[in-house]
Amino acid sequence: MPKGYKNTEVGVIPEDWETLKLKDIAPLQRGFDLPTSQLKKGDYPVVYSNGVMSYHAEFMAKGPGVITGRSGTIGNVHYVLGNYWPHNTTLWVTSFINSYPKYVYYLYQSVKFERFGTGSGVPTLNRNDIHSLKIPLPPLPEQKAIATTLSNIDNLITALDKLIGKKRDIKAATMQQLLTGKKRLPGFGEGKGYKNSEVGVIPEDWEAVTLGEYAEVTKLAGFEYTNYFNSYRDGGEIIVIRGVNITQNVLNLENVKTIPKATSSKLSRSQLKKDDLVFAYVGTIGPVYLIEQSDKYHLGPNTARITCKKEIVPKFLFLYFKSSFLQLEIDEKVSVGAQPSLSMAKIRSFRIIKPPLPEQKAIATILSNQDEEITALEKRLAKTKAIKQGMMQELLTGKTRLINN
């Protein structure tokens, strides 16, 4: 055992820490009824099981406060600085006994209250089931130091979230401007006007075309389905991209099927090559994925392969598929039956606005750079959240100390 530590019923903790029951640190009480009909607009947050959802003219608890879900959403822990109304779907801390409120907020996150939920219908958390839970508690100065450190990380996470949201908004506006020709990049469109087309007003040097004019759209043939399903159980090196594998226009590898290379070679018609687009057209319709590496993927059920001709830049078409205006056309053409679907003919009839090739490349570069910037920020955000979880584990158990005693 490390020097300065002791064995307890909750594990090895610093010798100057205490082991107390949850009710002796920050006891919980059920919140208060507040029917929607009695809600009066005001300044005090009403905290429900999933967070602040409205504001009321009165409060029932003085801040700062720590609240967790009692019914419905269990496991989320909320912190409010000022006075508030804890809704009856929550449990709220009635007093902080030798404990710092913001520390309790992080402590209760680590407890993971959702594991104490009961009920087969709406999950419910009973305070009596958790009040006897033993908790390690550091001295108050160390609680404050831990809370400050974790709060700083939370502030960074919030700032990254806001920045990513701002970058996404900028990208959406840029896509709207560039993909419709409302805004031209430097070096393109000098001296050119605009013209009416079946998709609206576009630059006079752009074309309004259908997807089928400039791309081949294919799906699996019947015999290929049979060969796939017979090969799935064998596994293999080639990933079969099905509709369920395309999530938010990226490849989701959590539930993939694979086939052997031998099977892939026999079905060369549906092998996916670099710059092919894979489009989900049954069930969840609209997601699209751009293949960036040949001989690694195969077309699967409920997906169509779109192969661009030389007049269309694949990256440009991929970005065009992600745009809101093409998604609206997809929604208009969906056939509703046992499950939503699109025929190959309808996919080929999608209307595409086609700039000259050099301008397609320039637009694709601008939008791809924005995508890469957002992706880098998302990775940084995920890493920061992982660091926070690791720090919580270290600091809330005393494995890492911020104050020398």
Protein backbone atom coordinates (compact mmCIF):
# COMPACT_ATOMS: atom_id res chain seq x y z
CA MET A 1 0.00 0.00 0.00
CA PRO A 2 1.38 3.47 -0.83
CA LYS A 3 2.58 5.58 2.06
CA GLY A 4 -0.14 7.81 3.41
CA TYR A 5 -2.99 5.54 2.31
CA LYS A 6 -5.30 3.18 4.16
CA ASN A 7 -7.57 0.22 3.41
CA THR A 8 -11.29 0.91 3.72
CA GLU A 9 -14.54 -0.75 2.68
CA VAL A 10 -14.50 1.43 -0.46
CA GLY A 11 -10.90 0.55 -1.32
CA VAL A 12 -7.53 2.16 -0.71
CA ILE A 13 -7.88 5.90 -0.05
CA PRO A 14 -5.66 8.65 1.43
CA GLU A 15 -5.39 8.36 5.19
CA ASP A 16 -6.75 11.89 5.71
CA TRP A 17 -9.95 11.08 3.77
CA GLU A 18 -13.15 9.86 5.40
CA THR A 19 -15.58 7.11 4.43
CA LEU A 20 -19.16 8.27 4.90
CA LYS A 21 -22.63 7.33 3.79
CA LEU A 22 -24.05 9.38 0.96
CA LYS A 23 -26.83 10.69 3.21
CA ASP A 24 -24.18 12.06 5.60
CA ILE A 25 -22.50 14.06 2.83
CA ALA A 26 -25.28 15.37 0.60
CA PRO A 27 -28.73 13.88 1.33
CA LEU A 28 -31.33 13.82 -1.41
CA GLN A 29 -35.00 14.70 -1.36
CA ARG A 30 -37.76 14.35 -3.94
CA GLY A 31 -38.54 17.50 -5.93
CA PHE A 32 -41.80 19.43 -6.07
CA ASP A 33 -44.84 19.19 -8.33
CA LEU A 34 -45.22 21.94 -10.89
CA PRO A 35 -47.93 21.28 -13.49
CA THR A 36 -47.47 23.11 -16.77
CA SER A 37 -50.72 24.97 -16.12
CA GLN A 38 -49.20 26.53 -12.98
CA LEU A 39 -45.90 27.53 -14.57
CA LYS A 40 -45.41 31.31 -14.36
CA LYS A 41 -42.69 32.79 -16.52
CA GLY A 42 -39.83 34.03 -14.36
CA ASP A 43 -36.08 33.91 -13.71
CA TYR A 44 -35.73 30.72 -11.67
CA PRO A 45 -34.73 27.55 -13.55
CA VAL A 46 -37.00 24.54 -13.24
CA VAL A 47 -34.74 21.48 -13.20
CA TYR A 48 -36.29 18.30 -14.60
CA SER A 49 -34.70 14.84 -14.74
CA ASN A 50 -32.98 15.75 -18.03
CA GLY A 51 -32.01 19.30 -17.11
CA VAL A 52 -33.35 22.85 -17.12
CA MET A 53 -36.41 22.93 -19.38
CA SER A 54 -38.24 26.08 -18.25
CA TYR A 55 -38.11 29.08 -15.90
CA HIS A 56 -40.59 29.94 -13.14
CA ALA A 57 -41.45 33.02 -11.07
CA GLU A 58 -40.80 31.17 -7.80
CA PHE A 59 -38.09 28.91 -6.39
CA MET A 60 -38.16 26.04 -3.89
CA ALA A 61 -34.43 25.53 -3.22
CA LYS A 62 -31.54 27.88 -2.69
CA GLY A 63 -28.46 27.57 -4.88
CA PRO A 64 -25.97 26.33 -5.51
CA GLY A 65 -27.75 23.07 -6.15
CA VAL A 66 -27.04 19.53 -7.28
CA ILE A 67 -29.91 17.60 -8.83
CA THR A 68 -30.27 14.16 -10.38
CA GLY A 69 -33.10 12.38 -12.17
CA ARG A 70 -35.59 10.44 -10.04
CA SER A 71 -38.03 9.31 -12.73
CA GLY A 72 -37.52 8.90 -16.47
CA THR A 73 -33.96 10.05 -17.14
CA ILE A 74 -31.74 8.58 -14.43
CA GLY A 75 -28.01 9.10 -14.16
CA ASN A 76 -27.72 12.68 -15.37
CA VAL A 77 -26.50 15.04 -12.65
CA HIS A 78 -27.17 18.77 -12.93
CA TYR A 79 -25.58 21.78 -11.23
CA VAL A 80 -27.22 25.19 -10.83
CA LEU A 81 -25.54 28.20 -9.29
CA GLY A 82 -28.56 30.24 -8.17
CA ASN A 83 -31.94 29.52 -6.62
CA TYR A 84 -34.09 27.01 -8.49
CA TRP A 85 -37.17 24.76 -8.54
CA PRO A 86 -36.34 21.02 -8.45
CA HIS A 87 -39.15 19.25 -10.33
CA ASN A 88 -40.82 16.17 -8.86
CA THR A 89 -39.04 14.03 -11.48
CA THR A 90 -35.78 14.76 -9.64
CA LEU A 91 -33.94 14.26 -6.37
CA TRP A 92 -32.10 17.32 -5.05
CA VAL A 93 -29.43 17.78 -2.41
CA THR A 94 -31.00 19.41 0.63
CA SER A 95 -27.73 20.22 2.43
CA PHE A 96 -24.00 19.96 1.86
CA ILE A 97 -22.49 18.53 5.05
CA ASN A 98 -18.78 19.35 5.18
CA SER A 99 -18.92 19.10 1.41
CA TYR A 100 -18.37 21.56 -1.41
CA PRO A 101 -21.37 21.72 -3.81
CA LYS A 102 -19.41 21.61 -7.06
CA TYR A 103 -17.37 18.67 -5.73
CA VAL A 104 -20.60 16.83 -4.91
CA TYR A 105 -21.72 17.45 -8.48
CA TYR A 106 -18.67 15.57 -9.82
CA LEU A 107 -18.82 12.96 -7.06
CA TYR A 108 -22.42 12.11 -7.95
CA GLN A 109 -21.48 11.86 -11.64
CA SER A 110 -18.96 9.18 -10.69
CA VAL A 111 -21.51 7.23 -8.63
CA LYS A 112 -23.56 6.49 -11.79
CA PHE A 113 -27.02 6.52 -10.25
CA GLU A 114 -28.55 4.83 -13.29
CA ARG A 115 -27.33 1.46 -11.96
CA PHE A 116 -29.77 1.82 -9.05
CA GLY A 117 -32.80 2.40 -11.28
CA THR A 118 -35.81 0.13 -10.82
CA GLY A 119 -39.03 -0.52 -12.74
CA SER A 120 -39.63 -2.22 -16.06
CA GLY A 121 -41.52 0.75 -17.51
CA VAL A 122 -40.33 4.24 -16.56
CA PRO A 123 -36.99 3.91 -14.68
CA THR A 124 -37.17 5.20 -11.10
CA LEU A 125 -34.49 6.04 -8.55
CA ASN A 126 -35.34 5.64 -4.85
CA ARG A 127 -33.21 7.77 -2.52
CA ASN A 128 -33.42 5.09 0.17
CA ASP A 129 -31.55 2.71 -2.15
CA ILE A 130 -28.57 5.06 -2.43
CA HIS A 131 -28.48 6.94 0.89
CA SER A 132 -26.55 4.10 2.54
CA LEU A 133 -23.96 4.01 -0.22
CA LYS A 134 -20.45 4.52 1.19
CA ILE A 135 -18.47 7.40 -0.34
CA PRO A 136 -14.81 8.45 0.13
CA LEU A 137 -14.60 12.15 1.03
CA PRO A 138 -11.47 14.33 1.06
CA PRO A 139 -11.00 17.38 3.30
CA LEU A 140 -12.86 20.50 2.17
CA PRO A 141 -9.80 22.35 0.71
CA GLU A 142 -9.01 19.33 -1.47
CA GLN A 143 -12.66 19.08 -2.54
CA LYS A 144 -12.48 22.68 -3.75
CA ALA A 145 -9.20 22.07 -5.61
CA ILE A 146 -10.62 18.98 -7.33
CA ALA A 147 -13.84 20.80 -8.27
CA THR A 148 -11.86 23.73 -9.70
CA THR A 149 -9.68 21.44 -11.82
CA LEU A 150 -12.65 19.51 -13.22
CA SER A 151 -14.61 22.74 -13.77
CA ASN A 152 -11.76 24.08 -15.89
CA ILE A 153 -11.95 20.99 -18.09
CA ASP A 154 -15.73 21.35 -18.32
CA ASN A 155 -15.26 24.97 -19.44
CA LEU A 156 -12.93 23.78 -22.18
CA ILE A 157 -15.44 21.12 -23.26
CA THR A 158 -18.21 23.76 -23.40
CA ALA A 159 -16.00 26.12 -25.41
CA LEU A 160 -15.14 23.35 -27.89
CA ASP A 161 -18.83 22.42 -28.22
CA LYS A 162 -19.72 26.03 -29.03
CA LEU A 163 -16.84 26.37 -31.48
CA ILE A 164 -17.84 23.18 -33.30
CA GLY A 165 -21.43 24.44 -33.51
CA LYS A 166 -20.25 27.75 -34.92
CA LYS A 167 -18.01 26.02 -37.48
CA ARG A 168 -20.90 23.77 -38.55
CA ASP A 169 -23.15 26.80 -39.03
CA ILE A 170 -20.48 28.52 -41.11
CA LYS A 171 -20.04 25.41 -43.23
CA ALA A 172 -23.80 25.03 -43.78
CA ALA A 173 -24.01 28.65 -44.93
CA THR A 174 -20.95 28.23 -47.15
CA MET A 175 -22.44 25.08 -48.73
CA GLN A 176 -25.70 26.91 -49.41
CA GLN A 177 -23.85 29.76 -51.11
CA LEU A 178 -21.27 27.81 -53.09
CA LEU A 179 -23.32 24.80 -54.20
CA THR A 180 -26.09 27.00 -55.61
CA GLY A 181 -23.78 29.54 -57.26
CA LYS A 182 -25.12 32.43 -55.19
CA LYS A 183 -21.52 33.10 -54.26
CA ARG A 184 -18.65 32.52 -56.69
CA LEU A 185 -15.07 31.84 -55.67
CA PRO A 186 -12.36 34.24 -56.85
CA GLY A 187 -11.34 33.48 -60.42
CA PHE A 188 -14.71 32.04 -61.43
CA GLY A 189 -17.72 33.69 -63.04
CA GLU A 190 -16.15 37.05 -63.97
CA GLY A 191 -18.47 38.79 -66.39
CA LYS A 192 -21.04 36.00 -66.16
CA GLY A 193 -24.67 36.53 -65.28
CA TYR A 194 -27.41 34.22 -64.11
CA LYS A 195 -30.16 32.25 -65.83
CA ASN A 196 -33.40 30.50 -64.95
CA SER A 197 -33.36 26.71 -64.79
CA GLU A 198 -35.64 23.94 -63.59
CA VAL A 199 -33.90 24.11 -60.21
CA GLY A 200 -34.07 27.89 -59.96
CA VAL A 201 -31.70 30.72 -60.84
CA ILE A 202 -28.12 29.52 -61.43
CA PRO A 203 -24.95 31.01 -62.96
CA GLU A 204 -25.15 31.08 -66.76
CA ASP A 205 -22.01 28.94 -67.11
CA TRP A 206 -23.47 26.19 -64.83
CA GLU A 207 -25.74 23.35 -65.90
CA ALA A 208 -28.83 21.84 -64.27
CA VAL A 209 -28.63 18.09 -64.97
CA THR A 210 -29.91 14.80 -63.61
CA LEU A 211 -27.63 12.46 -61.69
CA GLY A 212 -28.12 9.71 -64.28
CA GLU A 213 -26.65 11.89 -67.03
CA TYR A 214 -23.27 12.12 -65.33
CA ALA A 215 -23.06 9.08 -63.06
CA GLU A 216 -23.78 5.34 -63.16
CA VAL A 217 -26.16 4.16 -60.43
CA THR A 218 -26.22 0.42 -59.69
CA LYS A 219 -27.27 -1.98 -56.94
CA LEU A 220 -26.76 -5.66 -56.17
CA ALA A 221 -28.24 -8.15 -58.59
CA GLY A 222 -30.36 -11.03 -57.25
CA PHE A 223 -27.61 -13.64 -57.60
CA GLU A 224 -25.22 -11.38 -55.68
CA TYR A 225 -27.57 -11.27 -52.69
CA THR A 226 -27.48 -15.09 -52.59
CA ASN A 227 -23.70 -15.19 -52.77
CA TYR A 228 -23.34 -12.58 -50.04
CA PHE A 229 -25.64 -14.24 -47.56
CA ASN A 230 -23.92 -17.58 -48.12
CA SER A 231 -20.54 -15.94 -47.45
CA TYR A 232 -21.34 -13.77 -44.43
CA ARG A 233 -20.88 -16.63 -41.99
CA ASP A 234 -17.37 -17.30 -43.33
CA GLY A 235 -16.06 -13.84 -42.51
CA GLY A 236 -13.26 -12.37 -44.53
CA GLU A 237 -11.12 -9.38 -45.36
CA ILE A 238 -13.58 -7.35 -47.46
CA ILE A 239 -16.11 -5.14 -45.65
CA VAL A 240 -19.64 -5.19 -47.08
CA ILE A 241 -21.19 -1.72 -46.78
CA ARG A 242 -24.89 -1.96 -46.00
CA GLY A 243 -27.29 0.88 -45.34
CA VAL A 244 -26.93 0.46 -41.57
CA ASN A 245 -23.19 1.02 -41.87
CA ILE A 246 -23.51 4.62 -43.06
CA THR A 247 -24.18 6.97 -40.16
CA GLN A 248 -24.12 10.75 -40.64
CA ASN A 249 -22.21 10.24 -43.89
CA VAL A 250 -19.37 8.35 -42.24
CA LEU A 251 -18.72 4.62 -42.10
CA ASN A 252 -19.94 2.90 -38.94
CA LEU A 253 -17.90 -0.25 -38.37
CA GLU A 254 -19.66 -1.43 -35.20
CA ASN A 255 -21.87 -3.97 -36.98
CA VAL A 256 -20.21 -4.92 -40.23
CA LYS A 257 -20.41 -8.01 -42.37
CA THR A 258 -17.38 -9.24 -44.25
CA ILE A 259 -16.76 -11.60 -47.16
CA PRO A 260 -13.63 -13.42 -48.28
CA LYS A 261 -11.52 -11.95 -51.07
CA ALA A 262 -12.42 -14.97 -53.20
CA THR A 263 -16.11 -14.07 -53.01
CA SER A 264 -15.31 -10.44 -53.78
CA SER A 265 -13.34 -11.44 -56.87
CA LYS A 266 -16.26 -13.50 -58.20
CA LEU A 267 -18.58 -10.51 -57.78
CA SER A 268 -16.39 -7.92 -59.47
CA ARG A 269 -19.46 -6.04 -60.72
CA SER A 270 -20.15 -4.78 -57.19
CA GLN A 271 -16.61 -4.22 -55.96
CA LEU A 272 -16.22 -0.67 -54.68
CA LYS A 273 -13.40 1.45 -56.06
CA LYS A 274 -11.84 4.70 -54.94
CA ASP A 275 -14.18 7.68 -55.54
CA ASP A 276 -17.33 5.55 -55.69
CA LEU A 277 -20.24 6.88 -53.61
CA VAL A 278 -22.35 4.46 -51.55
CA PHE A 279 -25.91 5.68 -51.01
CA ALA A 280 -28.44 4.19 -48.57
CA TYR A 281 -31.80 3.87 -50.34
CA VAL A 282 -33.90 1.53 -48.13
CA GLY A 283 -35.01 2.11 -44.54
CA THR A 284 -32.86 5.02 -43.42
CA ILE A 285 -32.57 6.94 -46.68
CA GLY A 286 -30.09 9.65 -47.56
CA PRO A 287 -26.75 8.87 -45.89
CA VAL A 288 -23.89 8.69 -48.38
CA TYR A 289 -20.25 7.63 -48.07
CA LEU A 290 -17.31 8.37 -50.36
CA ILE A 291 -14.90 5.46 -50.88
CA GLU A 292 -11.30 6.60 -50.41
CA GLN A 293 -9.52 3.26 -50.91
CA SER A 294 -10.03 0.56 -53.53
CA ASP A 295 -10.16 -3.22 -52.90
CA LYS A 296 -11.29 -2.85 -49.30
CA TYR A 297 -15.07 -2.55 -49.57
CA HIS A 298 -17.97 -4.19 -51.37
CA LEU A 299 -21.46 -2.97 -52.14
CA GLY A 300 -24.03 -4.49 -49.79
CA PRO A 301 -27.81 -4.79 -49.47
CA ASN A 302 -29.92 -1.60 -49.39
CA THR A 303 -27.13 0.53 -50.84
CA ALA A 304 -26.53 1.88 -54.33
CA ARG A 305 -23.17 2.55 -55.93
CA ILE A 306 -22.77 5.89 -57.71
CA THR A 307 -19.79 6.10 -60.05
CA CYS A 308 -19.05 9.55 -61.44
CA LYS A 309 -18.17 10.20 -65.07
CA LYS A 310 -15.29 12.50 -65.89
CA GLU A 311 -17.45 15.65 -65.91
CA ILE A 312 -18.26 15.32 -62.21
CA VAL A 313 -15.74 15.52 -59.35
CA PRO A 314 -16.63 12.74 -56.83
CA LYS A 315 -15.87 14.92 -53.81
CA PHE A 316 -18.11 17.66 -55.19
CA LEU A 317 -20.96 15.20 -55.74
CA PHE A 318 -20.47 13.76 -52.24
CA LEU A 319 -20.79 17.24 -50.74
CA TYR A 320 -23.80 17.96 -52.95
CA PHE A 321 -25.52 14.83 -51.60
CA LYS A 322 -25.01 16.16 -48.07
CA SER A 323 -26.66 19.49 -48.90
CA SER A 324 -30.10 20.37 -47.56
CA PHE A 325 -31.58 21.02 -51.01
CA LEU A 326 -30.76 17.55 -52.34
CA GLN A 327 -31.96 15.99 -49.08
CA LEU A 328 -35.31 17.76 -49.64
CA GLU A 329 -35.58 16.20 -53.10
CA ILE A 330 -34.77 12.79 -51.62
CA ASP A 331 -37.59 13.23 -49.11
CA GLU A 332 -40.02 14.17 -51.90
CA LYS A 333 -39.25 11.06 -53.96
CA VAL A 334 -39.26 8.44 -51.19
CA SER A 335 -41.82 5.65 -51.62
CA VAL A 336 -43.48 4.69 -48.36
CA GLY A 337 -44.35 1.01 -47.90
CA ALA A 338 -43.28 -1.64 -45.42
CA GLN A 339 -40.18 0.54 -45.18
CA PRO A 340 -39.19 3.73 -47.05
CA SER A 341 -37.22 3.18 -50.27
CA LEU A 342 -36.09 4.71 -53.55
CA SER A 343 -35.93 3.05 -56.93
CA MET A 344 -32.79 3.29 -59.05
CA ALA A 345 -34.79 5.34 -61.57
CA LYS A 346 -35.68 7.92 -58.91
CA ILE A 347 -32.07 8.13 -57.75
CA ARG A 348 -30.94 8.69 -61.35
CA SER A 349 -33.53 11.48 -61.64
CA PHE A 350 -32.02 13.54 -58.80
CA ARG A 351 -31.39 17.07 -60.02
CA ILE A 352 -27.81 18.24 -59.79
CA ILE A 353 -26.37 21.70 -60.39
CA LYS A 354 -23.09 21.21 -62.23
CA PRO A 355 -20.45 23.98 -62.31
CA PRO A 356 -17.46 23.74 -64.69
CA LEU A 357 -14.94 21.10 -63.58
CA PRO A 358 -12.29 23.53 -62.20
CA GLU A 359 -14.92 25.26 -60.07
CA GLN A 360 -16.21 21.92 -58.77
CA LYS A 361 -12.68 21.12 -57.61
CA ALA A 362 -12.27 24.52 -55.95
CA ILE A 363 -15.62 24.26 -54.14
CA ALA A 364 -14.83 20.71 -53.00
CA THR A 365 -11.47 21.88 -51.63
CA ILE A 366 -13.01 24.74 -49.63
CA LEU A 367 -15.76 22.59 -48.12
CA SER A 368 -13.42 19.63 -47.48
CA ASN A 369 -11.05 21.92 -45.59
CA GLN A 370 -13.96 23.03 -43.41
CA ASP A 371 -14.91 19.38 -42.84
CA GLU A 372 -11.35 18.55 -41.80
CA GLU A 373 -11.28 21.47 -39.38
CA ILE A 374 -14.54 20.33 -37.78
CA THR A 375 -13.33 16.72 -37.61
CA ALA A 376 -10.11 17.83 -35.90
CA LEU A 377 -12.14 19.80 -33.33
CA GLU A 378 -14.45 16.82 -32.74
CA LYS A 379 -11.43 14.59 -32.10
CA ARG A 380 -10.02 17.16 -29.71
CA LEU A 381 -13.38 17.30 -27.92
CA ALA A 382 -13.57 13.51 -27.62
CA LYS A 383 -9.99 13.42 -26.28
CA THR A 384 -10.76 16.16 -23.75
CA LYS A 385 -13.84 14.26 -22.51
CA ALA A 386 -11.73 11.10 -22.16
CA ILE A 387 -9.10 13.04 -20.20
CA LYS A 388 -11.82 14.38 -17.90
CA GLN A 389 -13.10 10.87 -17.20
CA GLY A 390 -9.58 9.69 -16.41
CA MET A 391 -8.96 12.66 -14.12
CA MET A 392 -12.26 12.08 -12.29
CA GLN A 393 -11.24 8.48 -11.64
CA GLU A 394 -7.86 9.59 -10.29
CA LEU A 395 -8.95 12.63 -8.28
CA LEU A 396 -12.18 11.34 -6.77
CA THR A 397 -10.48 8.21 -5.44
CA GLY A 398 -7.39 9.98 -4.16
CA LYS A 399 -4.99 8.12 -6.46
CA THR A 400 -3.77 11.53 -7.62
CA ARG A 401 -3.55 14.32 -5.04
CA LEU A 402 -3.78 18.06 -5.74
CA ILE A 403 -2.97 19.04 -2.16
CA ASN A 404 -0.09 17.66 -0.14
CA ASN A 405 -1.06 16.83 3.42
